[in-house]
Amino acid sequence: MSAQSAPTTLTGTGGKRRVRRIVVIVLSIVAVVVLVVTGVTAGSVLATFQAVEKIPNAFPAEADRPPVTSGVAASSMNFLLLGSDSRGEHKGSLAEINGQNSDTLVVMHVPADRDQITVMSIPRDTWLAIPGHGEAKVSAAMSWGGVPLAVQTVESLIDARIDHVAVVDFGGFQGLTDALGGVDIDNPIAFDSFYLTGHAFPQGPQHLTGTEALAFARERAAFPDGDVQRVHNQQLLIAAIFDGILEQATLTDPGRVSAVIGAVTEHLAVDDTLASTDLVGLGVELREVRADDVTFFTIPTLGAGTSPDGQVMITLDRAALPAVQDAFRSDTLDDLAVGLRSVS
């Protein structure tokens, strides 16, 4: 994949805060639904998925949700993917996580025709209305009301229903990259790593191990525009992992399939309505999807600003939001995302 310059929708927030997390769940969900169609490995993949932690009562009350989509678009699916750097206070449980902001929020849209996937990220500092709490950063929703409030907040934002939700911690990222035998990227800007002492990332094509990929994704201090380049680098890395997961060498290698799935299951929790049989059906429908069929973009924003109470925030582009909402409802998100994508 070739990188394009990062659009204004990827403006960083600046300030001191926890490192933004890569969206491992995007990769693991897609890996599961695609890999289950390889007959020799389907049984082991599904058996592994059975061990994934389930989230009970993951959705808000029916009265607080958008209407169910009708027509052809009713067959489309939206996955909400929440990343956190801590398992919370309940014996390491992701399903019962509380008191933790979501470091990463992503909506993965699978269209009714199942011929591509669109991944929309929502910056964690996006300032919006959180039901029952007034205006705040979107990342606070999970801290204040757990997964159900995070779902309700995102549903209110996109004016469409979330069909399934998952929470992931960052611990599985290195293992996932290493399970693929490393990943290949084309680094746009050379830099010396802050997180991997003594290691330099040259400009141009290179192969990254799990440890190197983690350092590449976390880097911020080396860039004049800080989070802007970091977010762009993260999307480059996500795209590279998609390449690794969906390449023929992975899909036809039972050992690599098992390693990929095993690398994420202990770091993953999904809503208890997502059954393994659902994944089989979805996997069959997505069997032709490859990395080139996945489009990444960020919800339109106007860049960084300051909230009324003095916090650094990201301001939504309210004028552009209706088009995003309509695209979710009408199952035309890929058409909209093409003009906003940051990795192709």
Protein backbone atom coordinates (compact mmCIF):
# COMPACT_ATOMS: atom_id res chain seq x y z
CA MET A 1 0.00 0.00 0.00
CA SER A 2 1.14 3.51 -0.72
CA ALA A 3 0.67 6.26 1.84
CA GLN A 4 -1.03 9.53 1.11
CA SER A 5 -0.45 12.66 3.13
CA ALA A 6 -2.45 12.84 6.34
CA PRO A 7 -5.63 14.92 5.97
CA THR A 8 -6.71 17.62 8.39
CA THR A 9 -9.10 15.16 9.99
CA LEU A 10 -6.10 13.53 11.67
CA THR A 11 -5.05 16.63 13.64
CA GLY A 12 -3.47 15.66 16.96
CA THR A 13 -4.45 16.99 20.36
CA GLY A 14 -1.05 17.75 21.90
CA GLY A 15 -0.48 17.91 25.65
CA LYS A 16 0.55 15.16 28.04
CA ARG A 17 -1.72 12.13 27.94
CA ARG A 18 -1.56 8.41 27.63
CA VAL A 19 -0.27 7.00 24.37
CA ARG A 20 -3.01 6.34 21.83
CA ARG A 21 -3.49 2.63 21.18
CA ILE A 22 -3.47 0.76 17.86
CA VAL A 23 -6.77 -0.79 16.93
CA VAL A 24 -5.86 -4.44 17.43
CA ILE A 25 -9.53 -5.42 17.52
CA VAL A 26 -10.03 -4.40 13.89
CA LEU A 27 -7.40 -6.90 12.92
CA SER A 28 -8.55 -9.70 15.18
CA ILE A 29 -12.22 -9.53 14.18
CA VAL A 30 -11.37 -9.45 10.48
CA ALA A 31 -8.85 -12.25 11.00
CA VAL A 32 -11.49 -14.43 12.64
CA VAL A 33 -14.27 -13.86 10.13
CA VAL A 34 -11.99 -14.38 7.14
CA LEU A 35 -9.95 -17.27 8.47
CA VAL A 36 -12.92 -19.40 9.48
CA VAL A 37 -13.61 -20.06 5.81
CA THR A 38 -10.39 -22.06 5.43
CA GLY A 39 -11.81 -25.53 6.00
CA VAL A 40 -8.71 -27.09 7.51
CA THR A 41 -8.54 -24.48 10.27
CA ALA A 42 -12.17 -23.51 10.84
CA GLY A 43 -12.64 -25.89 13.75
CA SER A 44 -9.60 -24.71 15.67
CA VAL A 45 -10.34 -21.04 15.01
CA LEU A 46 -13.89 -21.36 16.30
CA ALA A 47 -12.73 -23.33 19.31
CA THR A 48 -10.28 -20.56 20.11
CA PHE A 49 -12.99 -17.92 19.72
CA GLN A 50 -15.12 -19.73 22.28
CA ALA A 51 -12.51 -18.79 24.89
CA VAL A 52 -12.82 -15.05 24.18
CA GLU A 53 -14.35 -13.15 27.09
CA LYS A 54 -17.96 -12.07 26.58
CA ILE A 55 -19.48 -8.70 27.55
CA PRO A 56 -22.99 -9.00 29.03
CA ASN A 57 -25.48 -6.12 28.64
CA ALA A 58 -23.21 -4.30 26.21
CA PHE A 59 -25.93 -2.15 24.66
CA PRO A 60 -28.04 0.77 25.93
CA ALA A 61 -31.80 0.58 26.53
CA GLU A 62 -33.83 0.14 23.35
CA ALA A 63 -35.52 3.52 23.82
CA ASP A 64 -32.12 5.23 23.73
CA ARG A 65 -31.05 3.77 20.39
CA PRO A 66 -31.47 4.96 16.77
CA PRO A 67 -34.13 3.22 14.62
CA VAL A 68 -33.22 -0.07 13.01
CA THR A 69 -31.97 0.46 9.45
CA SER A 70 -34.42 -0.67 6.77
CA GLY A 71 -34.15 -1.69 3.13
CA VAL A 72 -30.98 -3.04 1.54
CA ALA A 73 -28.83 -1.28 4.15
CA ALA A 74 -30.41 -3.42 6.88
CA SER A 75 -27.94 -6.19 6.01
CA SER A 76 -24.92 -3.96 6.68
CA MET A 77 -23.11 -4.28 10.00
CA ASN A 78 -21.33 -1.85 12.32
CA PHE A 79 -18.72 -3.02 14.84
CA LEU A 80 -17.66 -0.61 17.60
CA LEU A 81 -14.07 -1.26 18.62
CA LEU A 82 -12.85 0.18 21.93
CA GLY A 83 -9.19 0.12 22.96
CA SER A 84 -7.98 0.61 26.51
CA ASP A 85 -4.55 0.50 28.15
CA SER A 86 -5.88 -1.11 31.33
CA ARG A 87 -8.12 -4.00 32.26
CA GLY A 88 -9.70 -1.96 35.02
CA GLU A 89 -10.36 -3.01 38.57
CA HIS A 90 -12.08 -6.37 38.14
CA LYS A 91 -9.41 -9.07 38.26
CA GLY A 92 -8.11 -8.33 34.80
CA SER A 93 -11.54 -8.55 33.14
CA LEU A 94 -12.08 -6.57 29.95
CA ALA A 95 -15.82 -7.26 30.04
CA GLU A 96 -16.13 -5.58 33.44
CA ILE A 97 -13.71 -2.75 32.77
CA ASN A 98 -14.64 0.53 34.42
CA GLY A 99 -13.05 3.81 35.39
CA GLN A 100 -10.93 3.77 32.22
CA ASN A 101 -11.15 6.09 29.25
CA SER A 102 -11.17 4.44 25.83
CA ASP A 103 -7.85 5.30 24.18
CA THR A 104 -9.09 4.20 20.76
CA LEU A 105 -12.58 4.32 19.26
CA VAL A 106 -13.22 2.85 15.83
CA VAL A 107 -16.34 1.95 13.88
CA MET A 108 -15.82 -0.85 11.37
CA HIS A 109 -18.56 -0.88 8.71
CA VAL A 110 -19.25 -4.05 6.74
CA PRO A 111 -21.60 -3.22 3.84
CA ALA A 112 -24.54 -5.33 2.73
CA ASP A 113 -22.71 -6.50 -0.40
CA ARG A 114 -19.72 -7.66 1.71
CA ASP A 115 -17.20 -6.60 -0.93
CA GLN A 116 -15.17 -4.18 1.20
CA ILE A 117 -14.70 -2.90 4.77
CA THR A 118 -14.59 0.73 5.89
CA VAL A 119 -12.84 1.69 9.13
CA MET A 120 -13.66 5.08 10.68
CA SER A 121 -11.65 6.29 13.67
CA ILE A 122 -12.95 8.79 16.20
CA PRO A 123 -10.18 10.78 17.95
CA ARG A 124 -10.33 10.13 21.69
CA ASP A 125 -10.41 13.88 22.45
CA THR A 126 -13.40 14.57 20.19
CA TRP A 127 -15.71 16.94 22.06
CA LEU A 128 -19.38 15.96 21.93
CA ALA A 129 -22.50 15.33 24.00
CA ILE A 130 -22.33 12.24 26.22
CA PRO A 131 -25.87 11.17 27.17
CA GLY A 132 -26.64 12.10 30.76
CA HIS A 133 -23.32 13.87 31.32
CA GLY A 134 -23.26 16.93 29.09
CA GLU A 135 -20.40 17.72 26.73
CA ALA A 136 -17.00 16.08 27.19
CA LYS A 137 -14.34 14.09 25.35
CA VAL A 138 -15.76 10.96 23.74
CA SER A 139 -13.16 8.86 25.56
CA ALA A 140 -14.87 9.64 28.89
CA ALA A 141 -18.03 7.74 27.99
CA MET A 142 -16.60 4.33 28.84
CA SER A 143 -15.16 5.65 32.08
CA TRP A 144 -18.51 7.07 33.21
CA GLY A 145 -20.88 4.39 31.96
CA GLY A 146 -18.89 1.43 30.71
CA VAL A 147 -19.45 -0.18 27.33
CA PRO A 148 -23.21 0.63 27.13
CA LEU A 149 -22.62 4.38 27.44
CA ALA A 150 -19.77 4.23 24.92
CA VAL A 151 -22.12 2.48 22.48
CA GLN A 152 -24.90 5.01 23.10
CA THR A 153 -22.53 7.94 22.61
CA VAL A 154 -21.22 6.61 19.29
CA GLU A 155 -24.70 5.66 18.08
CA SER A 156 -25.82 9.23 18.80
CA LEU A 157 -22.83 10.53 16.86
CA ILE A 158 -23.30 8.43 13.71
CA ASP A 159 -27.12 8.20 13.99
CA ALA A 160 -26.98 4.48 13.28
CA ARG A 161 -26.95 1.30 15.32
CA ILE A 162 -23.90 -0.59 16.49
CA ASP A 163 -24.46 -4.31 15.85
CA HIS A 164 -21.52 -5.64 17.84
CA VAL A 165 -18.94 -4.19 20.21
CA ALA A 166 -15.53 -5.32 21.40
CA VAL A 167 -12.93 -4.13 23.90
CA VAL A 168 -9.23 -4.83 23.49
CA ASP A 169 -6.13 -4.07 25.49
CA PHE A 170 -2.75 -3.39 23.98
CA GLY A 171 -0.96 -6.47 25.21
CA GLY A 172 -1.68 -8.58 22.14
CA PHE A 173 -0.24 -6.20 19.59
CA GLN A 174 3.36 -7.37 19.66
CA GLY A 175 2.33 -11.01 19.62
CA LEU A 176 0.04 -10.44 16.65
CA THR A 177 2.81 -8.77 14.64
CA ASP A 178 5.29 -11.51 15.49
CA ALA A 179 2.71 -14.21 14.66
CA LEU A 180 2.67 -12.80 11.14
CA GLY A 181 6.45 -12.99 10.93
CA GLY A 182 6.66 -9.20 11.18
CA VAL A 183 5.14 -6.57 8.88
CA ASP A 184 6.38 -4.39 6.03
CA ILE A 185 5.86 -0.62 5.99
CA ASP A 186 7.05 2.34 3.93
CA ASN A 187 8.10 4.89 6.54
CA PRO A 188 7.51 8.47 5.29
CA ILE A 189 9.74 10.22 7.87
CA ALA A 190 13.02 9.00 9.39
CA PHE A 191 13.32 9.28 13.19
CA ASP A 192 15.21 8.01 16.23
CA SER A 193 12.92 6.04 18.52
CA PHE A 194 12.11 7.36 21.98
CA TYR A 195 10.54 4.06 23.04
CA LEU A 196 13.22 1.72 21.66
CA THR A 197 16.53 3.10 22.89
CA GLY A 198 19.26 3.15 20.26
CA HIS A 199 16.94 2.20 17.39
CA ALA A 200 16.42 4.41 14.34
CA PHE A 201 13.61 4.10 11.80
CA PRO A 202 14.98 5.18 8.40
CA GLN A 203 12.81 6.64 5.70
CA GLY A 204 11.53 4.11 3.17
CA PRO A 205 10.55 0.42 3.10
CA GLN A 206 11.45 -1.74 6.10
CA HIS A 207 10.40 -4.87 7.95
CA LEU A 208 9.28 -4.51 11.57
CA THR A 209 9.18 -7.05 14.39
CA GLY A 210 6.50 -6.79 17.07
CA THR A 211 8.78 -4.79 19.36
CA GLU A 212 9.74 -2.40 16.56
CA ALA A 213 6.15 -2.02 15.37
CA LEU A 214 5.02 -1.08 18.87
CA ALA A 215 7.72 1.60 19.12
CA PHE A 216 6.87 2.87 15.62
CA ALA A 217 3.20 3.21 16.54
CA ARG A 218 3.83 5.01 19.81
CA GLU A 219 6.31 7.63 18.55
CA ARG A 220 5.22 11.25 18.93
CA ALA A 221 8.11 13.29 20.29
CA ALA A 222 10.22 12.91 17.14
CA PHE A 223 7.76 14.79 14.92
CA PRO A 224 7.16 18.56 14.71
CA ASP A 225 3.43 17.93 14.35
CA GLY A 226 3.35 15.28 17.11
CA ASP A 227 0.09 13.39 17.08
CA VAL A 228 -0.69 14.19 13.46
CA GLN A 229 2.20 12.07 12.19
CA ARG A 230 1.73 9.49 14.93
CA VAL A 231 -1.88 8.82 13.89
CA HIS A 232 -0.81 8.58 10.26
CA ASN A 233 1.96 6.11 11.19
CA GLN A 234 -0.53 4.05 13.17
CA GLN A 235 -2.82 3.77 10.19
CA LEU A 236 0.11 2.75 8.00
CA LEU A 237 0.89 0.01 10.49
CA ILE A 238 -2.73 -1.17 10.72
CA ALA A 239 -2.80 -1.40 6.93
CA ALA A 240 0.43 -3.42 6.97
CA ILE A 241 -1.03 -5.88 9.48
CA PHE A 242 -4.13 -6.23 7.31
CA ASP A 243 -1.78 -7.11 4.45
CA GLY A 244 -0.19 -9.77 6.63
CA ILE A 245 -3.47 -11.23 7.88
CA LEU A 246 -5.18 -11.34 4.51
CA GLU A 247 -2.30 -12.50 2.31
CA GLN A 248 -2.54 -15.98 0.84
CA ALA A 249 0.48 -17.23 2.82
CA THR A 250 -1.44 -16.61 6.05
CA LEU A 251 -4.83 -17.84 4.90
CA THR A 252 -3.43 -21.21 3.81
CA ASP A 253 -1.08 -21.81 6.75
CA PRO A 254 -2.91 -23.49 9.68
CA GLY A 255 -0.02 -22.84 12.07
CA ARG A 256 0.10 -19.14 11.29
CA VAL A 257 -3.70 -18.89 11.51
CA SER A 258 -3.66 -20.39 14.99
CA ALA A 259 -0.83 -18.10 16.07
CA VAL A 260 -2.66 -14.99 14.81
CA ILE A 261 -5.88 -15.85 16.60
CA GLY A 262 -4.09 -17.00 19.73
CA ALA A 263 -2.15 -13.74 19.91
CA VAL A 264 -5.31 -11.68 20.43
CA THR A 265 -7.89 -13.84 22.21
CA GLU A 266 -6.65 -13.24 25.75
CA HIS A 267 -6.60 -9.50 25.11
CA LEU A 268 -10.12 -9.34 23.68
CA ALA A 269 -13.74 -9.22 24.89
CA VAL A 270 -16.84 -9.14 22.66
CA ASP A 271 -20.55 -8.65 23.29
CA ASP A 272 -22.36 -11.84 24.21
CA THR A 273 -24.65 -11.66 21.17
CA LEU A 274 -21.73 -12.31 18.79
CA ALA A 275 -21.74 -16.08 18.33
CA SER A 276 -19.17 -18.24 16.57
CA THR A 277 -21.85 -19.29 14.09
CA ASP A 278 -22.30 -15.62 13.17
CA LEU A 279 -18.59 -15.44 12.41
CA VAL A 280 -18.77 -18.49 10.16
CA GLY A 281 -21.49 -16.91 8.05
CA LEU A 282 -19.77 -13.53 7.92
CA GLY A 283 -16.46 -15.16 7.12
CA VAL A 284 -17.93 -16.94 4.11
CA GLU A 285 -19.43 -13.66 2.89
CA LEU A 286 -16.11 -11.82 3.30
CA ARG A 287 -13.96 -14.53 1.73
CA GLU A 288 -12.97 -12.32 -1.23
CA VAL A 289 -11.99 -9.27 0.88
CA ARG A 290 -8.29 -8.42 0.83
CA ALA A 291 -6.21 -5.56 2.19
CA ASP A 292 -6.87 -3.36 -0.85
CA ASP A 293 -10.59 -3.58 -0.08
CA VAL A 294 -10.21 -1.92 3.34
CA THR A 295 -10.48 1.87 3.55
CA PHE A 296 -9.37 3.90 6.59
CA PHE A 297 -10.55 7.42 7.41
CA THR A 298 -11.16 9.66 10.40
CA ILE A 299 -14.45 11.35 11.22
CA PRO A 300 -14.22 14.95 9.88
CA THR A 301 -12.95 17.48 12.42
CA LEU A 302 -11.84 21.10 12.50
CA GLY A 303 -8.67 20.35 14.41
CA ALA A 304 -7.55 21.03 17.97
CA GLY A 305 -9.09 23.59 20.29
CA THR A 306 -9.80 24.31 23.94
CA SER A 307 -12.95 23.25 25.75
CA PRO A 308 -14.96 25.65 27.96
CA ASP A 309 -13.26 24.15 31.03
CA GLY A 310 -9.76 24.48 29.57
CA GLN A 311 -9.11 20.97 28.22
CA VAL A 312 -7.40 20.30 24.91
CA MET A 313 -10.05 18.90 22.57
CA ILE A 314 -10.79 18.01 18.97
CA THR A 315 -13.68 19.94 17.40
CA LEU A 316 -16.09 18.01 15.19
CA ASP A 317 -16.85 19.38 11.74
CA ARG A 318 -20.57 19.72 12.35
CA ALA A 319 -21.21 20.79 8.76
CA ALA A 320 -19.72 17.52 7.46
CA LEU A 321 -21.37 15.27 10.08
CA PRO A 322 -24.78 14.87 8.35
CA ALA A 323 -23.07 13.34 5.30
CA VAL A 324 -21.33 10.79 7.54
CA GLN A 325 -24.60 9.92 9.28
CA ASP A 326 -26.42 9.54 5.99
CA ALA A 327 -23.63 7.31 4.66
CA PHE A 328 -24.02 4.96 7.64
CA ARG A 329 -27.81 4.84 7.26
CA SER A 330 -27.74 4.35 3.49
CA ASP A 331 -24.79 1.91 3.45
CA THR A 332 -22.68 4.23 1.27
CA LEU A 333 -19.85 4.83 3.73
CA ASP A 334 -17.16 3.54 1.39
CA ASP A 335 -18.09 6.15 -1.22
CA LEU A 336 -17.72 8.91 1.37
CA ALA A 337 -14.51 7.46 2.84
CA VAL A 338 -12.66 7.43 -0.47
CA GLY A 339 -12.42 11.22 -0.38
CA LEU A 340 -11.25 11.23 3.26
CA ARG A 341 -8.97 8.21 3.45
CA SER A 342 -5.45 8.49 4.77
CA VAL A 343 -4.09 5.07 3.70
CA SER A 344 -4.67 3.46 0.31
